[in-house]
Amino acid sequence: MGLRLTTTHLSQIVSHARESSPNECCGLIGGADGLAQTIYRTRNVAHDPLVTYEAAPEDLFAAQRQMRERGEQLIAIYHSHPRSANPEPSATDVRLAYYPSAVYLIVGLGNDEPCVRAFSICEREGWQPIDYQIVD
């Protein structure tokens, strides 16, 4: 089952990426059955936020609590590659992919128009590009 987002969700994610640039942004997407319902921004507290991301633990806990209260599941994780025109998961992204059932969205800001790509990432099997749908 693929990921389904609205244009509003996509614009919230791209806005977060642009606001965070030149640093990477990160966040969670809550929903059910692959359909996104809520975008949860998290702060990037990585040691080197220019090239990697680590969501602030308190932001993760708050987002997961809100998802439970709303009856949502974690369906996707997003982050940005501010200097990439055609983003792909880095070796670090694959190593730190702790949620193999989640879709990973990466926003590339290296061109005039942002490029948002979706991936399935598993530490053992690496990554595969996957399709996502815009449903309005």
Protein backbone atom coordinates (compact mmCIF):
# COMPACT_ATOMS: atom_id res chain seq x y z
CA MET A 1 0.00 0.00 0.00
CA GLY A 2 1.41 3.35 -1.02
CA LEU A 3 1.39 6.71 0.67
CA ARG A 4 -1.42 9.15 -0.08
CA LEU A 5 -1.04 12.86 0.75
CA THR A 6 -2.97 16.03 0.03
CA THR A 7 -1.41 19.04 -1.66
CA THR A 8 -1.67 20.81 1.71
CA HIS A 9 0.39 18.08 3.39
CA LEU A 10 3.01 18.28 0.64
CA SER A 11 3.22 22.07 0.89
CA GLN A 12 3.60 21.86 4.71
CA ILE A 13 6.56 19.49 4.27
CA VAL A 14 8.20 21.60 1.54
CA SER A 15 7.69 24.76 3.65
CA HIS A 16 9.40 23.06 6.60
CA ALA A 17 12.33 22.10 4.34
CA ARG A 18 12.66 25.64 2.97
CA GLU A 19 12.44 27.25 6.43
CA SER A 20 15.13 24.91 7.78
CA SER A 21 17.54 25.30 4.85
CA PRO A 22 20.56 25.18 4.72
CA ASN A 23 20.00 22.62 7.52
CA GLU A 24 18.05 19.41 7.01
CA CYS A 25 14.52 19.33 8.40
CA CYS A 26 12.72 16.29 9.77
CA GLY A 27 9.24 15.27 10.80
CA LEU A 28 6.63 12.53 11.01
CA ILE A 29 3.42 11.85 9.12
CA GLY A 30 0.52 10.29 10.99
CA GLY A 31 -2.46 8.64 9.38
CA ALA A 32 -4.16 5.34 8.70
CA ASP A 33 -4.07 2.81 5.84
CA GLY A 34 -1.45 4.85 3.96
CA LEU A 35 -3.58 8.02 3.99
CA ALA A 36 -1.83 10.97 5.64
CA GLN A 37 -3.84 12.91 8.20
CA THR A 38 -1.34 15.03 10.15
CA ILE A 39 2.15 16.43 9.57
CA TYR A 40 4.25 16.59 12.76
CA ARG A 41 7.26 18.88 12.53
CA THR A 42 10.20 17.94 14.72
CA ARG A 43 13.33 19.92 15.50
CA ASN A 44 16.59 18.66 14.02
CA VAL A 45 19.04 18.28 16.92
CA ALA A 46 21.73 16.41 14.94
CA HIS A 47 25.37 17.18 15.71
CA ASP A 48 25.81 18.36 12.08
CA PRO A 49 22.35 19.43 10.83
CA LEU A 50 23.78 20.56 7.49
CA VAL A 51 24.24 16.94 6.43
CA THR A 52 22.11 14.76 8.71
CA TYR A 53 19.02 14.77 10.87
CA GLU A 54 17.97 13.58 14.31
CA ALA A 55 14.53 14.45 15.61
CA ALA A 56 14.44 15.98 19.08
CA PRO A 57 13.34 13.16 21.43
CA GLU A 58 10.73 15.32 23.18
CA ASP A 59 9.22 16.23 19.78
CA LEU A 60 9.06 12.54 18.82
CA PHE A 61 7.34 11.62 22.09
CA ALA A 62 4.86 14.49 21.73
CA ALA A 63 4.05 13.53 18.12
CA GLN A 64 3.60 9.86 19.02
CA ARG A 65 1.32 10.79 21.93
CA GLN A 66 -0.80 13.01 19.64
CA MET A 67 -0.98 10.22 17.05
CA ARG A 68 -2.30 7.79 19.69
CA GLU A 69 -4.88 10.35 20.86
CA ARG A 70 -6.03 10.87 17.25
CA GLY A 71 -6.08 7.15 16.40
CA GLU A 72 -3.27 7.59 13.87
CA GLN A 73 -0.27 5.43 13.12
CA LEU A 74 3.19 6.50 12.01
CA ILE A 75 2.93 6.01 8.25
CA ALA A 76 5.87 8.11 7.02
CA ILE A 77 8.97 10.01 8.07
CA TYR A 78 10.25 12.98 6.11
CA HIS A 79 13.48 14.94 5.95
CA SER A 80 15.27 17.18 3.49
CA HIS A 81 18.45 17.16 1.46
CA PRO A 82 18.78 20.95 0.94
CA ARG A 83 21.47 20.75 -1.75
CA SER A 84 20.12 17.77 -3.71
CA ALA A 85 18.13 18.17 -6.93
CA ASN A 86 17.12 14.49 -7.08
CA PRO A 87 17.28 13.19 -3.50
CA GLU A 88 18.12 9.60 -2.63
CA PRO A 89 18.68 8.04 0.80
CA SER A 90 22.24 8.43 2.04
CA ALA A 91 24.17 5.60 3.72
CA THR A 92 23.35 7.30 7.04
CA ASP A 93 19.63 7.43 6.15
CA VAL A 94 19.68 3.68 5.52
CA ARG A 95 21.65 2.93 8.71
CA LEU A 96 19.23 5.00 10.79
CA ALA A 97 16.03 3.69 9.21
CA TYR A 98 14.49 2.37 12.43
CA TYR A 99 10.93 2.09 11.08
CA PRO A 100 10.97 -0.32 8.12
CA SER A 101 7.17 -0.19 7.78
CA ALA A 102 7.22 3.62 7.33
CA VAL A 103 7.57 5.37 3.99
CA TYR A 104 10.53 7.78 3.93
CA LEU A 105 9.98 11.06 2.07
CA ILE A 106 12.99 13.16 1.11
CA VAL A 107 12.68 16.75 -0.10
CA GLY A 108 15.43 17.95 -2.42
CA LEU A 109 15.86 21.71 -2.70
CA GLY A 110 18.79 21.72 -5.17
CA ASN A 111 16.72 23.02 -8.11
CA ASP A 112 14.29 25.91 -8.58
CA GLU A 113 11.42 23.54 -7.85
CA PRO A 114 11.56 21.18 -4.87
CA CYS A 115 11.73 17.48 -5.67
CA VAL A 116 9.90 15.18 -3.22
CA ARG A 117 10.64 11.46 -3.54
CA ALA A 118 9.40 8.50 -1.50
CA PHE A 119 11.36 5.42 -0.49
CA SER A 120 11.05 2.15 1.32
CA ILE A 121 14.19 1.79 3.46
CA CYS A 122 15.38 -1.32 5.27
CA GLU A 123 18.84 -1.64 6.80
CA ARG A 124 19.24 -5.20 5.52
CA GLU A 125 17.90 -4.61 2.01
CA GLY A 126 18.82 -0.97 1.38
CA TRP A 127 16.27 1.30 -0.28
CA GLN A 128 13.75 1.24 -3.11
CA PRO A 129 11.96 4.22 -4.66
CA ILE A 130 8.20 3.99 -4.29
CA ASP A 131 5.31 6.01 -5.67
CA TYR A 132 3.06 8.22 -3.63
CA GLN A 133 -0.23 9.81 -4.62
CA ILE A 134 -1.65 13.29 -4.20
CA VAL A 135 -5.32 12.99 -3.27
CA ASP A 136 -7.38 16.14 -3.00
